[in-house]
Amino acid sequence: MNGQQQRRIVITGFMGAGKTTVANALARELGCTALDLDDVIVEVEGRNARTIIDEEGELPFREVETRALRELLEHRTARVIALGGGAWTIERNRALIEEHGCLTIWLDAPFDLCWQRIVRNTDRPFARDEEAAQKLFATRQKIYGLADLRVDAGRGRSVEQIVEEVNSKAKVKR
C-alpha cells in the first residue's frame, strides 16, 4: 500500500451535516476504524461538550478539544475522524490536522437540513436556538471551505452516495 491509501481522513462540517454517520460508513467501506472527536472528549474528560461548556465556558472547552484531537492523532489508529462542528474553526486544530498529513473533507449541508437534525438532539451546546445557530452556520461556512475537499451532503443525498463521492474525489482505498 502506498501512503495515499493510508492517509487519515478528517471530516468537518456544521452540526447535523452527517459527519459521524458518513465517517462510520466510510470506515466500513474502507475496512478501517472511525472515531468521533466528541466521543474521545467524553472518554478523556468524563464529560461531554455541553457539560464542559456549561460548567467552564467555550474557551476551556476548546482547549480540551485540542488536547483530545492531539491525543487522537498521536495515539489512536482510527483512519477516519469526525470532528465536532467547531473544531475545524480553530486555527491550531487545522494546523495540527495538517501537521499529521490528514485529508480534510467538508460535508456541506444546507442550514435547514442541519437544523432539522439538530432539533432531534438536545445535547448540542451551540444550537440552543435557531437564530443563533443560523448565525454560527453563516460565520463558519468560509472556514469549512478551507478543507481539502467539499462534498455535497444536501437533501436527497444518501450516505452511500456521499461515501461514493468521498471515495471518488479523495481516491481512497482499503
Protein backbone atom coordinates (compact mmCIF):
# COMPACT_ATOMS: atom_id res chain seq x y z
CA MET A 1 0.00 0.00 0.00
CA ASN A 2 1.20 3.48 -0.69
CA GLY A 3 0.99 6.48 1.66
CA GLN A 4 -2.10 7.87 -0.09
CA GLN A 5 -4.01 4.70 0.72
CA GLN A 6 -3.29 5.03 4.44
CA ARG A 7 -3.79 8.78 4.71
CA ARG A 8 -6.13 9.68 7.52
CA ILE A 9 -9.42 11.33 6.61
CA VAL A 10 -10.85 14.08 8.79
CA ILE A 11 -14.46 15.06 8.21
CA THR A 12 -15.69 18.53 9.11
CA GLY A 13 -18.92 20.45 8.67
CA PHE A 14 -21.70 22.05 10.64
CA MET A 15 -23.67 20.32 13.39
CA GLY A 16 -26.12 17.92 11.80
CA ALA A 17 -24.26 17.70 8.48
CA GLY A 18 -23.79 13.96 8.97
CA LYS A 19 -20.10 13.82 9.91
CA THR A 20 -20.30 10.86 12.29
CA THR A 21 -22.69 8.89 10.07
CA VAL A 22 -20.51 9.42 7.00
CA ALA A 23 -17.29 8.70 8.94
CA ASN A 24 -18.67 5.37 10.15
CA ALA A 25 -19.96 4.42 6.69
CA LEU A 26 -16.67 5.41 5.06
CA ALA A 27 -14.71 3.39 7.61
CA ARG A 28 -16.90 0.34 6.90
CA GLU A 29 -16.31 0.81 3.17
CA LEU A 30 -12.54 1.11 3.69
CA GLY A 31 -12.34 -1.71 6.23
CA CYS A 32 -10.87 0.52 8.92
CA THR A 33 -11.93 2.27 12.11
CA ALA A 34 -13.59 5.64 12.65
CA LEU A 35 -13.66 7.85 15.72
CA ASP A 36 -15.74 10.86 16.63
CA LEU A 37 -13.75 13.60 18.38
CA ASP A 38 -16.68 14.27 20.71
CA ASP A 39 -16.52 10.63 21.88
CA VAL A 40 -12.80 10.98 22.58
CA ILE A 41 -13.54 14.11 24.64
CA VAL A 42 -16.07 12.17 26.73
CA GLU A 43 -13.60 9.31 27.15
CA VAL A 44 -10.72 11.58 28.20
CA GLU A 45 -12.69 14.14 30.24
CA GLY A 46 -15.59 12.09 31.56
CA ARG A 47 -17.94 14.86 30.40
CA ASN A 48 -19.50 15.80 27.08
CA ALA A 49 -19.05 19.10 25.23
CA ARG A 50 -22.27 20.62 26.53
CA THR A 51 -21.37 19.90 30.17
CA ILE A 52 -17.87 21.32 29.78
CA ILE A 53 -19.20 24.45 28.07
CA ASP A 54 -21.97 24.90 30.65
CA GLU A 55 -19.56 24.46 33.57
CA GLU A 56 -16.45 26.22 32.27
CA GLY A 57 -17.26 28.12 29.08
CA GLU A 58 -16.30 27.83 25.44
CA LEU A 59 -12.60 28.73 25.70
CA PRO A 60 -11.78 26.00 28.24
CA PHE A 61 -13.80 23.58 26.10
CA ARG A 62 -11.75 24.48 23.01
CA GLU A 63 -8.57 23.73 25.00
CA VAL A 64 -9.99 20.32 25.96
CA GLU A 65 -11.00 19.73 22.34
CA THR A 66 -7.50 20.49 21.05
CA ARG A 67 -5.90 18.19 23.64
CA ALA A 68 -8.32 15.40 22.67
CA LEU A 69 -7.59 15.96 18.96
CA ARG A 70 -3.83 15.81 19.61
CA GLU A 71 -4.27 12.62 21.64
CA LEU A 72 -6.40 11.09 18.88
CA LEU A 73 -3.94 11.97 16.11
CA GLU A 74 -0.84 10.93 18.04
CA HIS A 75 -2.02 7.85 19.91
CA ARG A 76 -5.04 6.34 18.15
CA THR A 77 -5.16 4.31 14.98
CA ALA A 78 -8.54 5.42 13.61
CA ARG A 79 -8.19 6.27 9.95
CA VAL A 80 -11.44 8.24 9.66
CA ILE A 81 -12.13 11.03 12.14
CA ALA A 82 -15.34 13.03 12.57
CA LEU A 83 -14.75 16.44 14.13
CA GLY A 84 -17.19 18.41 16.23
CA GLY A 85 -18.78 21.26 14.27
CA GLY A 86 -16.49 23.92 15.73
CA ALA A 87 -13.19 22.03 15.93
CA TRP A 88 -12.16 22.92 12.36
CA THR A 89 -12.84 26.62 13.01
CA ILE A 90 -9.92 26.79 15.46
CA GLU A 91 -6.67 27.56 13.64
CA ARG A 92 -4.48 25.47 15.96
CA ASN A 93 -6.68 22.43 15.24
CA ARG A 94 -6.36 22.93 11.49
CA ALA A 95 -2.58 23.22 11.92
CA LEU A 96 -2.48 20.02 13.99
CA ILE A 97 -4.52 18.15 11.37
CA GLU A 98 -2.24 19.44 8.60
CA GLU A 99 0.86 18.54 10.62
CA HIS A 100 -0.39 14.94 10.68
CA GLY A 101 -0.94 14.91 6.91
CA CYS A 102 -4.68 14.27 7.06
CA LEU A 103 -7.02 14.69 4.13
CA THR A 104 -9.85 17.02 5.17
CA ILE A 105 -13.36 16.77 3.81
CA TRP A 106 -16.13 19.31 4.33
CA LEU A 107 -19.62 17.86 4.35
CA ASP A 108 -21.57 20.81 3.01
CA ALA A 109 -25.22 20.54 4.04
CA PRO A 110 -27.77 23.39 3.93
CA PHE A 111 -28.75 25.01 7.22
CA ASP A 112 -32.38 23.87 7.07
CA LEU A 113 -31.32 20.22 6.85
CA CYS A 114 -28.80 20.64 9.67
CA TRP A 115 -31.39 22.38 11.83
CA GLN A 116 -33.91 19.60 11.21
CA ARG A 117 -31.34 17.14 12.58
CA ILE A 118 -30.16 19.44 15.38
CA VAL A 119 -33.60 19.73 16.98
CA ARG A 120 -33.65 15.94 17.38
CA ASN A 121 -30.52 16.10 19.57
CA THR A 122 -30.76 18.49 22.52
CA ASP A 123 -27.13 17.92 23.52
CA ARG A 124 -25.71 20.46 21.06
CA PRO A 125 -24.35 23.38 23.09
CA PHE A 126 -24.12 25.85 20.20
CA ALA A 127 -27.61 25.25 18.85
CA ARG A 128 -29.90 26.28 21.65
CA ASP A 129 -31.97 28.46 19.32
CA GLU A 130 -32.40 28.57 15.56
CA GLU A 131 -31.38 32.19 15.03
CA ALA A 132 -28.09 31.79 16.92
CA ALA A 133 -27.39 28.52 15.10
CA GLN A 134 -28.05 30.14 11.73
CA LYS A 135 -25.62 32.98 12.51
CA LEU A 136 -22.99 30.44 13.57
CA PHE A 137 -23.61 28.45 10.38
CA ALA A 138 -23.07 31.59 8.26
CA THR A 139 -19.82 32.51 10.01
CA ARG A 140 -18.38 29.00 9.76
CA GLN A 141 -19.05 28.37 6.04
CA LYS A 142 -15.94 30.18 4.82
CA ILE A 143 -13.74 28.35 7.32
CA TYR A 144 -15.17 24.97 6.34
CA GLY A 145 -14.20 25.90 2.79
CA LEU A 146 -10.53 25.61 3.85
CA ALA A 147 -10.88 21.81 3.84
CA ASP A 148 -9.11 19.91 1.06
CA LEU A 149 -12.37 18.70 -0.48
CA ARG A 150 -16.02 19.78 -0.41
CA VAL A 151 -18.72 17.12 -0.65
CA ASP A 152 -22.39 17.96 -1.11
CA ALA A 153 -24.27 16.47 1.85
CA GLY A 154 -27.57 18.12 0.96
CA ARG A 155 -31.11 16.89 0.97
CA GLY A 156 -31.79 13.86 -1.16
CA ARG A 157 -28.24 12.50 -0.95
CA SER A 158 -27.89 9.12 0.72
CA VAL A 159 -24.99 8.23 2.97
CA GLU A 160 -23.90 5.76 0.30
CA GLN A 161 -23.85 8.49 -2.37
CA ILE A 162 -21.83 10.77 -0.10
CA VAL A 163 -19.32 7.99 0.70
CA GLU A 164 -19.05 7.19 -3.01
CA GLU A 165 -18.31 10.87 -3.75
CA VAL A 166 -15.69 10.97 -0.98
CA ASN A 167 -14.05 7.85 -2.41
CA SER A 168 -14.18 9.27 -5.92
CA LYS A 169 -12.77 12.70 -5.03
CA ALA A 170 -10.24 11.52 -2.48
CA LYS A 171 -9.27 8.35 -4.35
CA VAL A 172 -9.05 6.47 -1.06
CA LYS A 173 -8.62 2.73 -0.99
CA ARG A 174 -8.67 -0.08 1.50
